[in-house]
Amino acid sequence: MHFKDFKNIILKFNEYDLPGHELLLKIAPPSRIKHLKTNKIPINSNLASVLLLFYPDSNNHTRLVLILRNTYNGVHSNQIGFPGGKLESTDKSYFEAALRETNEEIGVLKENISYVGQLSQVYIPPSNFNVFPFVGFCNSKPQFELNKVEVKSILEPTLDSILKCSISKSKVIINDKLQYVPSLVLNKSVVWGATAIMIHEFRLLFKQMINS
């Protein structure tokens, strides 16, 4: 999709209601379904924000930034996600936290990012994080500078591939066990868990905006 068309559509984001947790069940791993159904989040959960950042490539095709995290001693090691991280005491808002983390991880300046809106918060049981996803865009391709400690590489799927991608079952390692989970395959990479849930909610909403 041409970026100009994307902007004309996405600027209507806040005129629509979010699809709701029930419509996200088909993309959720078995361990997340209970939390999506009840929407109950532990009061002692950690708080974090992430950013779904869209931008135009050199051909003005709309793309989304995903990151491949480095290998480390943690539950999200070597997984695909969005730039983002834990809320800090100095952050003035959840969105401010997403902007700060995006700058720290992939070098995009916050003044180059336009705010669009917020998706449903997603609770991640393995790390006890309650994540607040935001949508934003840059009017030109950012100059990425990866924090090599945290980020191994970035993926830049087109919006068209995200909208067309079907939900499939993929093999992943969870708690040292091989499991089949619902997933999206983008740029030949398996995206699952909270990241897939957020992408799926976004595309449900975006398709609603296109078709209305």
N, C-alpha and C. Protein backbone atom coordinates (compact mmCIF):
# COMPACT_ATOMS: atom_id res chain seq x y z
N MET A 1 0.84 -1.19 0.00
CA MET A 1 0.00 0.00 0.00
C MET A 1 0.88 1.25 0.00
N HIS A 2 0.54 2.18 -0.87
CA HIS A 2 1.27 3.44 -0.94
C HIS A 2 1.12 4.17 0.40
N PHE A 3 2.20 4.79 0.84
CA PHE A 3 2.19 5.41 2.17
C PHE A 3 1.17 6.54 2.27
N LYS A 4 0.95 7.25 1.18
CA LYS A 4 -0.05 8.32 1.19
C LYS A 4 -1.43 7.75 1.48
N ASP A 5 -1.75 6.60 0.88
CA ASP A 5 -3.04 5.95 1.14
C ASP A 5 -3.12 5.47 2.59
N PHE A 6 -2.01 4.91 3.06
CA PHE A 6 -1.96 4.45 4.46
C PHE A 6 -2.27 5.60 5.41
N LYS A 7 -1.63 6.75 5.21
CA LYS A 7 -1.85 7.89 6.10
C LYS A 7 -3.30 8.38 6.06
N ASN A 8 -3.88 8.40 4.89
CA ASN A 8 -5.27 8.84 4.77
C ASN A 8 -6.20 7.94 5.57
N ILE A 9 -5.86 6.65 5.64
CA ILE A 9 -6.69 5.70 6.38
C ILE A 9 -6.37 5.73 7.86
N ILE A 10 -5.09 5.69 8.21
CA ILE A 10 -4.70 5.53 9.61
C ILE A 10 -5.06 6.74 10.46
N LEU A 11 -5.19 7.90 9.85
CA LEU A 11 -5.55 9.08 10.62
C LEU A 11 -6.99 9.03 11.13
N LYS A 12 -7.75 8.01 10.69
CA LYS A 12 -9.11 7.80 11.20
C LYS A 12 -9.13 6.79 12.35
N PHE A 13 -7.95 6.39 12.80
CA PHE A 13 -7.78 5.33 13.79
C PHE A 13 -8.71 5.48 14.99
N ASN A 14 -8.75 6.66 15.57
CA ASN A 14 -9.49 6.86 16.82
C ASN A 14 -10.99 7.04 16.62
N GLU A 15 -11.45 6.94 15.38
CA GLU A 15 -12.89 6.98 15.13
C GLU A 15 -13.53 5.61 15.27
N TYR A 16 -12.70 4.58 15.46
CA TYR A 16 -13.18 3.20 15.50
C TYR A 16 -12.88 2.56 16.85
N ASP A 17 -13.77 1.64 17.24
CA ASP A 17 -13.55 0.87 18.46
C ASP A 17 -12.58 -0.27 18.17
N LEU A 18 -11.78 -0.62 19.16
CA LEU A 18 -10.88 -1.76 19.01
C LEU A 18 -11.69 -3.05 18.88
N PRO A 19 -11.17 -4.04 18.16
CA PRO A 19 -11.93 -5.27 17.91
C PRO A 19 -12.33 -6.02 19.18
N GLY A 20 -11.51 -5.92 20.24
CA GLY A 20 -11.85 -6.62 21.48
C GLY A 20 -11.12 -7.94 21.61
N HIS A 21 -10.97 -8.38 22.86
CA HIS A 21 -10.16 -9.56 23.16
C HIS A 21 -10.72 -10.85 22.55
N GLU A 22 -12.02 -10.97 22.44
CA GLU A 22 -12.60 -12.22 21.94
C GLU A 22 -12.12 -12.54 20.52
N LEU A 23 -11.92 -11.52 19.71
CA LEU A 23 -11.50 -11.73 18.33
C LEU A 23 -10.01 -12.05 18.22
N LEU A 24 -9.30 -11.98 19.35
CA LEU A 24 -7.87 -12.25 19.33
C LEU A 24 -7.54 -13.67 19.77
N LEU A 25 -8.55 -14.44 20.17
CA LEU A 25 -8.31 -15.77 20.71
C LEU A 25 -7.65 -16.70 19.69
N LYS A 26 -7.98 -16.55 18.40
CA LYS A 26 -7.47 -17.49 17.40
C LYS A 26 -5.97 -17.34 17.15
N ILE A 27 -5.39 -16.21 17.55
CA ILE A 27 -3.95 -16.00 17.35
C ILE A 27 -3.16 -16.20 18.64
N ALA A 28 -3.85 -16.42 19.75
CA ALA A 28 -3.18 -16.49 21.05
C ALA A 28 -2.66 -17.90 21.35
N PRO A 29 -1.48 -18.02 21.95
CA PRO A 29 -1.01 -19.32 22.44
C PRO A 29 -1.96 -19.83 23.52
N PRO A 30 -2.03 -21.14 23.72
CA PRO A 30 -2.95 -21.70 24.73
C PRO A 30 -2.84 -21.06 26.10
N SER A 31 -1.62 -20.72 26.51
CA SER A 31 -1.41 -20.16 27.84
C SER A 31 -1.98 -18.75 27.98
N ARG A 32 -2.26 -18.07 26.85
CA ARG A 32 -2.75 -16.69 26.90
C ARG A 32 -4.27 -16.61 26.81
N ILE A 33 -4.91 -17.69 26.38
CA ILE A 33 -6.35 -17.64 26.11
C ILE A 33 -7.14 -17.29 27.37
N LYS A 34 -6.75 -17.88 28.48
CA LYS A 34 -7.45 -17.59 29.75
C LYS A 34 -7.41 -16.10 30.06
N HIS A 35 -6.25 -15.50 29.90
CA HIS A 35 -6.11 -14.08 30.23
C HIS A 35 -6.88 -13.20 29.25
N LEU A 36 -6.94 -13.60 27.97
CA LEU A 36 -7.70 -12.82 27.01
C LEU A 36 -9.20 -12.90 27.28
N LYS A 37 -9.65 -14.07 27.72
CA LYS A 37 -11.08 -14.25 28.00
C LYS A 37 -11.52 -13.45 29.24
N THR A 38 -10.68 -13.46 30.27
CA THR A 38 -11.05 -12.79 31.51
C THR A 38 -10.58 -11.34 31.56
N ASN A 39 -9.50 -11.06 30.80
CA ASN A 39 -8.88 -9.74 30.81
C ASN A 39 -8.47 -9.32 32.22
N LYS A 40 -8.15 -10.30 33.06
CA LYS A 40 -7.69 -10.00 34.41
C LYS A 40 -6.16 -9.98 34.44
N ILE A 41 -5.62 -8.91 34.93
CA ILE A 41 -4.18 -8.71 34.95
C ILE A 41 -3.72 -8.60 36.40
N PRO A 42 -2.72 -9.36 36.81
CA PRO A 42 -2.24 -9.30 38.20
C PRO A 42 -1.85 -7.88 38.60
N ILE A 43 -2.18 -7.50 39.82
CA ILE A 43 -1.89 -6.13 40.26
C ILE A 43 -0.39 -5.89 40.42
N ASN A 44 0.37 -6.98 40.53
CA ASN A 44 1.82 -6.83 40.69
C ASN A 44 2.59 -6.96 39.37
N SER A 45 1.87 -6.86 38.25
CA SER A 45 2.53 -7.02 36.95
C SER A 45 3.46 -5.85 36.67
N ASN A 46 4.50 -6.12 35.89
CA ASN A 46 5.40 -5.06 35.43
C ASN A 46 4.74 -4.32 34.27
N LEU A 47 5.09 -3.06 34.09
CA LEU A 47 4.49 -2.23 33.05
C LEU A 47 5.50 -1.95 31.94
N ALA A 48 5.04 -2.06 30.71
CA ALA A 48 5.91 -1.81 29.56
C ALA A 48 5.09 -1.22 28.41
N SER A 49 5.80 -0.60 27.47
CA SER A 49 5.16 -0.04 26.27
C SER A 49 5.95 -0.46 25.05
N VAL A 50 5.26 -0.65 23.93
CA VAL A 50 5.91 -0.94 22.66
C VAL A 50 5.30 -0.06 21.58
N LEU A 51 5.99 0.02 20.45
CA LEU A 51 5.54 0.89 19.36
C LEU A 51 5.46 0.13 18.05
N LEU A 52 4.28 0.16 17.43
CA LEU A 52 4.12 -0.32 16.06
C LEU A 52 4.41 0.87 15.16
N LEU A 53 5.60 0.89 14.60
CA LEU A 53 6.07 2.05 13.85
C LEU A 53 6.05 1.78 12.35
N PHE A 54 5.26 2.56 11.62
CA PHE A 54 5.14 2.44 10.17
C PHE A 54 5.90 3.57 9.49
N TYR A 55 6.36 3.31 8.27
CA TYR A 55 7.10 4.32 7.52
C TYR A 55 7.10 3.94 6.03
N PRO A 56 7.42 4.89 5.14
CA PRO A 56 7.50 4.58 3.71
C PRO A 56 8.92 4.16 3.32
N ASP A 57 9.04 3.14 2.47
CA ASP A 57 10.36 2.78 1.95
C ASP A 57 10.67 3.65 0.73
N SER A 58 11.75 3.34 0.03
CA SER A 58 12.18 4.17 -1.11
C SER A 58 11.17 4.18 -2.25
N ASN A 59 10.27 3.19 -2.28
CA ASN A 59 9.23 3.12 -3.31
C ASN A 59 7.87 3.58 -2.78
N ASN A 60 7.90 4.17 -1.59
CA ASN A 60 6.68 4.64 -0.91
C ASN A 60 5.73 3.52 -0.54
N HIS A 61 6.25 2.29 -0.43
CA HIS A 61 5.47 1.20 0.13
C HIS A 61 5.50 1.30 1.66
N THR A 62 4.38 1.07 2.30
CA THR A 62 4.29 1.18 3.75
C THR A 62 4.88 -0.06 4.41
N ARG A 63 5.77 0.17 5.38
CA ARG A 63 6.41 -0.93 6.09
C ARG A 63 6.29 -0.74 7.60
N LEU A 64 6.43 -1.87 8.32
CA LEU A 64 6.36 -1.89 9.79
C LEU A 64 7.70 -2.37 10.33
N VAL A 65 8.13 -1.79 11.44
CA VAL A 65 9.39 -2.18 12.06
C VAL A 65 9.16 -3.28 13.10
N LEU A 66 9.85 -4.40 12.92
CA LEU A 66 9.93 -5.44 13.94
C LEU A 66 11.40 -5.65 14.27
N ILE A 67 11.68 -6.07 15.48
CA ILE A 67 13.07 -6.32 15.87
C ILE A 67 13.25 -7.77 16.28
N LEU A 68 14.43 -8.30 16.02
CA LEU A 68 14.83 -9.60 16.52
C LEU A 68 15.74 -9.36 17.71
N ARG A 69 15.30 -9.77 18.88
CA ARG A 69 16.08 -9.51 20.09
C ARG A 69 17.29 -10.44 20.15
N ASN A 70 18.32 -9.96 20.79
CA ASN A 70 19.53 -10.75 20.96
C ASN A 70 19.30 -11.92 21.90
N THR A 71 20.21 -12.85 21.89
CA THR A 71 20.16 -13.98 22.81
C THR A 71 20.65 -13.52 24.18
N TYR A 72 19.83 -13.77 25.19
CA TYR A 72 20.20 -13.40 26.57
C TYR A 72 19.49 -14.35 27.52
N ASN A 73 19.79 -14.22 28.79
CA ASN A 73 19.19 -15.10 29.80
C ASN A 73 17.84 -14.54 30.22
N GLY A 74 16.81 -14.83 29.40
CA GLY A 74 15.48 -14.32 29.69
C GLY A 74 14.45 -14.99 28.79
N VAL A 75 13.17 -14.84 29.14
CA VAL A 75 12.11 -15.57 28.44
C VAL A 75 11.88 -15.06 27.02
N HIS A 76 12.31 -13.85 26.71
CA HIS A 76 12.08 -13.31 25.37
C HIS A 76 13.36 -13.30 24.53
N SER A 77 14.33 -14.07 24.95
CA SER A 77 15.58 -14.17 24.22
C SER A 77 15.36 -14.65 22.78
N ASN A 78 16.01 -13.97 21.83
CA ASN A 78 15.99 -14.37 20.42
C ASN A 78 14.58 -14.43 19.83
N GLN A 79 13.68 -13.59 20.32
CA GLN A 79 12.32 -13.54 19.81
C GLN A 79 12.09 -12.26 19.01
N ILE A 80 11.10 -12.32 18.13
CA ILE A 80 10.72 -11.16 17.34
C ILE A 80 9.68 -10.35 18.10
N GLY A 81 9.86 -9.05 18.14
CA GLY A 81 8.91 -8.19 18.84
C GLY A 81 8.95 -6.78 18.26
N PHE A 82 8.40 -5.86 19.03
CA PHE A 82 8.42 -4.45 18.66
C PHE A 82 9.43 -3.71 19.52
N PRO A 83 9.97 -2.60 19.03
CA PRO A 83 10.79 -1.79 19.91
C PRO A 83 9.95 -1.34 21.11
N GLY A 84 10.55 -1.41 22.28
CA GLY A 84 9.82 -1.05 23.49
C GLY A 84 10.45 -1.68 24.70
N GLY A 85 9.90 -1.40 25.86
CA GLY A 85 10.44 -1.96 27.07
C GLY A 85 9.76 -1.43 28.31
N LYS A 86 10.39 -1.66 29.42
CA LYS A 86 9.83 -1.37 30.74
C LYS A 86 9.66 0.12 30.98
N LEU A 87 8.56 0.46 31.64
CA LEU A 87 8.29 1.84 32.03
C LEU A 87 9.29 2.27 33.09
N GLU A 88 9.88 3.46 32.91
CA GLU A 88 10.82 4.01 33.88
C GLU A 88 10.17 5.16 34.65
N SER A 89 10.69 5.44 35.83
CA SER A 89 10.11 6.49 36.68
C SER A 89 10.16 7.86 36.02
N THR A 90 11.09 8.05 35.09
CA THR A 90 11.23 9.35 34.42
C THR A 90 10.26 9.52 33.24
N ASP A 91 9.60 8.44 32.83
CA ASP A 91 8.67 8.52 31.71
C ASP A 91 7.39 9.25 32.13
N LYS A 92 6.97 10.21 31.32
CA LYS A 92 5.78 10.99 31.65
C LYS A 92 4.49 10.28 31.27
N SER A 93 4.58 9.29 30.40
CA SER A 93 3.39 8.55 29.96
C SER A 93 3.84 7.22 29.37
N TYR A 94 2.89 6.35 29.11
CA TYR A 94 3.19 5.07 28.46
C TYR A 94 3.74 5.31 27.05
N PHE A 95 3.16 6.27 26.35
CA PHE A 95 3.64 6.56 24.99
C PHE A 95 5.06 7.12 25.04
N GLU A 96 5.35 7.95 26.03
CA GLU A 96 6.70 8.49 26.18
C GLU A 96 7.70 7.36 26.39
N ALA A 97 7.29 6.34 27.14
CA ALA A 97 8.17 5.18 27.36
C ALA A 97 8.43 4.45 26.05
N ALA A 98 7.39 4.31 25.22
CA ALA A 98 7.57 3.64 23.93
C ALA A 98 8.52 4.42 23.03
N LEU A 99 8.40 5.75 23.05
CA LEU A 99 9.30 6.59 22.24
C LEU A 99 10.75 6.47 22.73
N ARG A 100 10.93 6.53 24.04
CA ARG A 100 12.28 6.43 24.61
C ARG A 100 12.93 5.10 24.25
N GLU A 101 12.18 4.02 24.44
CA GLU A 101 12.72 2.69 24.16
C GLU A 101 13.01 2.52 22.66
N THR A 102 12.16 3.07 21.83
CA THR A 102 12.39 2.98 20.38
C THR A 102 13.68 3.69 20.00
N ASN A 103 13.92 4.83 20.61
CA ASN A 103 15.17 5.55 20.36
C ASN A 103 16.37 4.77 20.87
N GLU A 104 16.25 4.20 22.06
CA GLU A 104 17.37 3.47 22.65
C GLU A 104 17.70 2.20 21.88
N GLU A 105 16.68 1.54 21.33
CA GLU A 105 16.90 0.24 20.68
C GLU A 105 17.24 0.34 19.21
N ILE A 106 16.57 1.26 18.49
CA ILE A 106 16.81 1.32 17.04
C ILE A 106 17.16 2.71 16.54
N GLY A 107 17.32 3.67 17.46
CA GLY A 107 17.87 4.97 17.10
C GLY A 107 16.93 5.97 16.46
N VAL A 108 15.62 5.69 16.42
CA VAL A 108 14.68 6.62 15.78
C VAL A 108 14.37 7.77 16.75
N LEU A 109 14.53 9.00 16.28
CA LEU A 109 14.28 10.16 17.11
C LEU A 109 12.79 10.35 17.36
N LYS A 110 12.43 10.67 18.62
CA LYS A 110 11.02 10.77 18.96
C LYS A 110 10.32 11.90 18.22
N GLU A 111 11.06 12.97 17.88
CA GLU A 111 10.44 14.08 17.17
C GLU A 111 10.07 13.71 15.73
N ASN A 112 10.57 12.59 15.25
CA ASN A 112 10.24 12.14 13.89
C ASN A 112 9.04 11.18 13.87
N ILE A 113 8.49 10.90 15.04
CA ILE A 113 7.39 9.93 15.14
C ILE A 113 6.09 10.64 15.44
N SER A 114 5.08 10.39 14.62
CA SER A 114 3.74 10.95 14.83
C SER A 114 2.86 9.93 15.54
N TYR A 115 2.14 10.38 16.55
CA TYR A 115 1.25 9.52 17.31
C TYR A 115 -0.03 9.24 16.53
N VAL A 116 -0.48 7.99 16.56
CA VAL A 116 -1.73 7.61 15.92
C VAL A 116 -2.76 7.21 16.96
N GLY A 117 -2.44 6.22 17.79
CA GLY A 117 -3.39 5.74 18.78
C GLY A 117 -2.85 4.56 19.54
N GLN A 118 -3.72 3.93 20.33
CA GLN A 118 -3.31 2.86 21.22
C GLN A 118 -4.15 1.62 20.97
N LEU A 119 -3.50 0.45 20.99
CA LEU A 119 -4.19 -0.84 20.89
C LEU A 119 -4.48 -1.36 22.29
N SER A 120 -5.10 -2.53 22.37
CA SER A 120 -5.42 -3.13 23.66
C SER A 120 -4.15 -3.57 24.38
N GLN A 121 -4.11 -3.35 25.68
CA GLN A 121 -2.97 -3.83 26.45
C GLN A 121 -2.96 -5.36 26.44
N VAL A 122 -1.77 -5.93 26.46
CA VAL A 122 -1.61 -7.39 26.39
C VAL A 122 -0.76 -7.85 27.58
N TYR A 123 -1.30 -8.78 28.35
CA TYR A 123 -0.56 -9.33 29.48
C TYR A 123 0.26 -10.54 29.01
N ILE A 124 1.53 -10.58 29.42
CA ILE A 124 2.44 -11.66 29.04
C ILE A 124 2.81 -12.47 30.28
N PRO A 125 2.17 -13.62 30.50
CA PRO A 125 2.39 -14.39 31.73
C PRO A 125 3.84 -14.79 32.01
N PRO A 126 4.61 -15.27 31.02
CA PRO A 126 5.96 -15.75 31.35
C PRO A 126 6.86 -14.71 31.99
N SER A 127 6.70 -13.44 31.60
CA SER A 127 7.53 -12.38 32.16
C SER A 127 6.75 -11.45 33.09
N ASN A 128 5.45 -11.72 33.26
CA ASN A 128 4.59 -10.92 34.12
C ASN A 128 4.59 -9.44 33.72
N PHE A 129 4.54 -9.19 32.41
CA PHE A 129 4.49 -7.83 31.91
C PHE A 129 3.12 -7.51 31.35
N ASN A 130 2.61 -6.35 31.70
CA ASN A 130 1.41 -5.80 31.09
C ASN A 130 1.86 -4.75 30.09
N VAL A 131 1.67 -5.05 28.80
CA VAL A 131 2.26 -4.23 27.74
C VAL A 131 1.21 -3.34 27.08
N PHE A 132 1.57 -2.07 26.92
CA PHE A 132 0.70 -1.08 26.29
C PHE A 132 1.24 -0.79 24.88
N PRO A 133 0.54 -1.24 23.84
CA PRO A 133 1.02 -1.03 22.46
C PRO A 133 0.47 0.28 21.87
N PHE A 134 1.35 1.00 21.20
CA PHE A 134 0.96 2.23 20.52
C PHE A 134 1.28 2.13 19.03
N VAL A 135 0.56 2.92 18.25
CA VAL A 135 0.77 2.97 16.80
C VAL A 135 1.25 4.36 16.44
N GLY A 136 2.30 4.42 15.62
CA GLY A 136 2.82 5.69 15.15
C GLY A 136 3.43 5.54 13.77
N PHE A 137 3.85 6.65 13.20
CA PHE A 137 4.49 6.56 11.87
C PHE A 137 5.54 7.66 11.72
N CYS A 138 6.47 7.40 10.81
CA CYS A 138 7.45 8.40 10.36
C CYS A 138 7.10 8.75 8.92
N ASN A 139 7.28 10.00 8.55
CA ASN A 139 6.94 10.44 7.19
C ASN A 139 8.00 10.06 6.16
N SER A 140 9.15 9.61 6.63
CA SER A 140 10.20 9.11 5.74
C SER A 140 10.89 7.95 6.43
N LYS A 141 11.68 7.20 5.68
CA LYS A 141 12.36 6.05 6.28
C LYS A 141 13.35 6.52 7.34
N PRO A 142 13.26 5.97 8.56
CA PRO A 142 14.18 6.39 9.62
C PRO A 142 15.61 5.94 9.34
N GLN A 143 16.53 6.64 9.97
CA GLN A 143 17.93 6.21 9.98
C GLN A 143 18.10 5.29 11.19
N PHE A 144 18.06 4.00 10.95
CA PHE A 144 18.13 3.05 12.06
C PHE A 144 19.56 2.93 12.58
N GLU A 145 19.70 2.96 13.89
CA GLU A 145 20.96 2.69 14.57
C GLU A 145 20.67 1.68 15.67
N LEU A 146 21.04 0.43 15.42
CA LEU A 146 20.64 -0.64 16.33
C LEU A 146 21.53 -0.68 17.56
N ASN A 147 20.88 -0.87 18.70
CA ASN A 147 21.60 -1.15 19.94
C ASN A 147 21.97 -2.63 19.91
N LYS A 148 23.21 -2.92 19.57
CA LYS A 148 23.62 -4.30 19.33
C LYS A 148 23.57 -5.17 20.59
N VAL A 149 23.50 -4.55 21.75
CA VAL A 149 23.37 -5.32 22.99
C VAL A 149 21.99 -5.95 23.07
N GLU A 150 20.98 -5.21 22.62
CA GLU A 150 19.59 -5.67 22.75
C GLU A 150 19.00 -6.20 21.45
N VAL A 151 19.42 -5.65 20.33
CA VAL A 151 18.77 -5.95 19.05
C VAL A 151 19.76 -6.60 18.09
N LYS A 152 19.38 -7.78 17.60
CA LYS A 152 20.23 -8.47 16.63
C LYS A 152 20.03 -7.93 15.23
N SER A 153 18.77 -7.69 14.87
CA SER A 153 18.47 -7.19 13.53
C SER A 153 17.03 -6.67 13.51
N ILE A 154 16.67 -6.02 12.41
CA ILE A 154 15.29 -5.57 12.25
C ILE A 154 14.66 -6.25 11.04
N LEU A 155 13.35 -6.42 11.12
CA LEU A 155 12.56 -6.92 10.00
C LEU A 155 11.66 -5.77 9.55
N GLU A 156 11.41 -5.69 8.27
CA GLU A 156 10.61 -4.59 7.74
C GLU A 156 9.54 -5.11 6.78
N PRO A 157 8.57 -5.88 7.30
CA PRO A 157 7.53 -6.39 6.41
C PRO A 157 6.66 -5.26 5.87
N THR A 158 6.15 -5.45 4.67
CA THR A 158 5.23 -4.46 4.10
C THR A 158 3.86 -4.60 4.76
N LEU A 159 3.13 -3.52 4.75
CA LEU A 159 1.77 -3.55 5.27
C LEU A 159 0.92 -4.54 4.48
N ASP A 160 1.13 -4.61 3.17
CA ASP A 160 0.36 -5.54 2.34
C ASP A 160 0.58 -6.98 2.79
N SER A 161 1.83 -7.34 3.10
CA SER A 161 2.11 -8.72 3.53
C SER A 161 1.47 -9.00 4.88
N ILE A 162 1.41 -8.01 5.74
CA ILE A 162 0.79 -8.17 7.06
C ILE A 162 -0.72 -8.39 6.91
N LEU A 163 -1.34 -7.63 6.03
CA LEU A 163 -2.79 -7.75 5.85
C LEU A 163 -3.18 -9.07 5.18
N LYS A 164 -2.30 -9.59 4.31
CA LYS A 164 -2.61 -10.81 3.57
C LYS A 164 -2.21 -12.08 4.31
N CYS A 165 -1.32 -11.96 5.27
CA CYS A 165 -0.77 -13.14 5.94
C CYS A 165 -1.85 -13.90 6.71
N SER A 166 -1.88 -15.22 6.53
CA SER A 166 -2.87 -16.04 7.23
C SER A 166 -2.26 -16.60 8.51
N ILE A 167 -3.13 -16.94 9.45
CA ILE A 167 -2.69 -17.54 10.71
C ILE A 167 -2.39 -19.01 10.49
N SER A 168 -1.22 -19.44 10.92
CA SER A 168 -0.83 -20.84 10.77
C SER A 168 -0.30 -21.36 12.10
N LYS A 169 0.01 -22.64 12.14
CA LYS A 169 0.60 -23.24 13.35
C LYS A 169 2.10 -23.42 13.12
N SER A 170 2.89 -22.99 14.08
CA SER A 170 4.33 -23.11 13.97
C SER A 170 4.91 -23.75 15.23
N LYS A 171 6.07 -24.38 15.07
CA LYS A 171 6.75 -25.00 16.20
C LYS A 171 7.68 -23.98 16.86
N VAL A 172 7.51 -23.79 18.16
CA VAL A 172 8.38 -22.89 18.91
C VAL A 172 8.76 -23.56 20.23
N ILE A 173 9.80 -23.05 20.84
CA ILE A 173 10.25 -23.56 22.13
C ILE A 173 9.67 -22.67 23.23
N ILE A 174 8.88 -23.26 24.12
CA ILE A 174 8.32 -22.54 25.26
C ILE A 174 8.67 -23.32 26.52
N ASN A 175 9.38 -22.66 27.43
CA ASN A 175 9.81 -23.33 28.67
C ASN A 175 10.55 -24.64 28.37
N ASP A 176 11.45 -24.57 27.38
CA ASP A 176 12.29 -25.71 26.99
C ASP A 176 11.50 -26.86 26.38
N LYS A 177 10.25 -26.61 25.98
CA LYS A 177 9.43 -27.64 25.36
C LYS A 177 8.99 -27.18 23.97
N LEU A 178 8.99 -28.11 23.02
CA LEU A 178 8.54 -27.80 21.67
C LEU A 178 7.02 -27.81 21.64
N GLN A 179 6.43 -26.71 21.18
CA GLN A 179 4.97 -26.60 21.14
C GLN A 179 4.54 -26.01 19.79
N TYR A 180 3.30 -26.34 19.40
CA TYR A 180 2.69 -25.74 18.22
C TYR A 180 1.80 -24.59 18.68
N VAL A 181 2.02 -23.42 18.11
CA VAL A 181 1.24 -22.25 18.50
C VAL A 181 0.76 -21.50 17.26
N PRO A 182 -0.35 -20.78 17.37
CA PRO A 182 -0.78 -19.93 16.25
C PRO A 182 0.28 -18.87 15.97
N SER A 183 0.49 -18.57 14.70
CA SER A 183 1.56 -17.64 14.35
C SER A 183 1.28 -16.96 13.02
N LEU A 184 2.08 -15.95 12.74
CA LEU A 184 2.13 -15.29 11.44
C LEU A 184 3.54 -15.45 10.91
N VAL A 185 3.69 -15.71 9.63
CA VAL A 185 5.02 -15.82 9.02
C VAL A 185 5.23 -14.58 8.16
N LEU A 186 6.15 -13.72 8.60
CA LEU A 186 6.43 -12.46 7.91
C LEU A 186 7.92 -12.42 7.55
N ASN A 187 8.20 -12.14 6.31
CA ASN A 187 9.60 -12.15 5.83
C ASN A 187 10.30 -13.46 6.20
N LYS A 188 9.56 -14.56 6.10
CA LYS A 188 10.06 -15.90 6.39
C LYS A 188 10.40 -16.12 7.87
N SER A 189 9.95 -15.20 8.72
CA SER A 189 10.19 -15.33 10.16
C SER A 189 8.87 -15.57 10.88
N VAL A 190 8.93 -16.44 11.91
CA VAL A 190 7.73 -16.80 12.67
C VAL A 190 7.49 -15.76 13.76
N VAL A 191 6.31 -15.16 13.73
CA VAL A 191 5.91 -14.18 14.73
C VAL A 191 4.75 -14.77 15.53
N TRP A 192 4.90 -14.84 16.84
CA TRP A 192 3.86 -15.47 17.66
C TRP A 192 3.75 -14.73 19.00
N GLY A 193 2.87 -15.23 19.86
CA GLY A 193 2.72 -14.64 21.19
C GLY A 193 2.15 -13.24 21.15
N ALA A 194 2.59 -12.40 22.09
CA ALA A 194 2.04 -11.06 22.24
C ALA A 194 2.21 -10.23 20.98
N THR A 195 3.35 -10.39 20.29
CA THR A 195 3.59 -9.60 19.07
C THR A 195 2.57 -9.94 18.00
N ALA A 196 2.29 -11.23 17.82
CA ALA A 196 1.29 -11.65 16.83
C ALA A 196 -0.10 -11.15 17.23
N ILE A 197 -0.40 -11.17 18.52
CA ILE A 197 -1.70 -10.68 19.00
C ILE A 197 -1.87 -9.20 18.64
N MET A 198 -0.83 -8.42 18.88
CA MET A 198 -0.90 -6.98 18.58
C MET A 198 -1.04 -6.72 17.07
N ILE A 199 -0.26 -7.45 16.28
CA ILE A 199 -0.36 -7.29 14.82
C ILE A 199 -1.75 -7.67 14.34
N HIS A 200 -2.28 -8.76 14.88
CA HIS A 200 -3.60 -9.22 14.44
C HIS A 200 -4.68 -8.21 14.81
N GLU A 201 -4.59 -7.64 16.01
CA GLU A 201 -5.59 -6.63 16.39
C GLU A 201 -5.48 -5.41 15.47
N PHE A 202 -4.25 -5.00 15.19
CA PHE A 202 -4.08 -3.85 14.30
C PHE A 202 -4.70 -4.12 12.93
N ARG A 203 -4.44 -5.29 12.37
CA ARG A 203 -4.92 -5.52 11.01
C ARG A 203 -6.44 -5.72 10.98
N LEU A 204 -7.04 -6.25 12.05
CA LEU A 204 -8.49 -6.31 12.13
C LEU A 204 -9.09 -4.91 12.10
N LEU A 205 -8.47 -4.02 12.88
CA LEU A 205 -8.95 -2.64 12.93
C LEU A 205 -8.73 -1.92 11.61
N PHE A 206 -7.56 -2.14 11.02
CA PHE A 206 -7.21 -1.47 9.76
C PHE A 206 -8.13 -1.92 8.63
N LYS A 207 -8.44 -3.21 8.59
CA LYS A 207 -9.34 -3.71 7.56
C LYS A 207 -10.74 -3.12 7.73
N GLN A 208 -11.13 -2.93 9.00
CA GLN A 208 -12.43 -2.30 9.26
C GLN A 208 -12.44 -0.87 8.73
N MET A 209 -11.33 -0.16 8.90
CA MET A 209 -11.24 1.21 8.41
C MET A 209 -11.27 1.26 6.88
N ILE A 210 -10.62 0.28 6.25
CA ILE A 210 -10.60 0.23 4.79
C ILE A 210 -11.98 -0.02 4.22
N ASN A 211 -12.72 -0.91 4.88
CA ASN A 211 -14.00 -1.38 4.34
C ASN A 211 -15.19 -0.54 4.73
N SER A 212 -14.99 0.43 5.60
CA SER A 212 -16.15 1.23 6.05
C SER A 212 -16.45 2.36 5.06
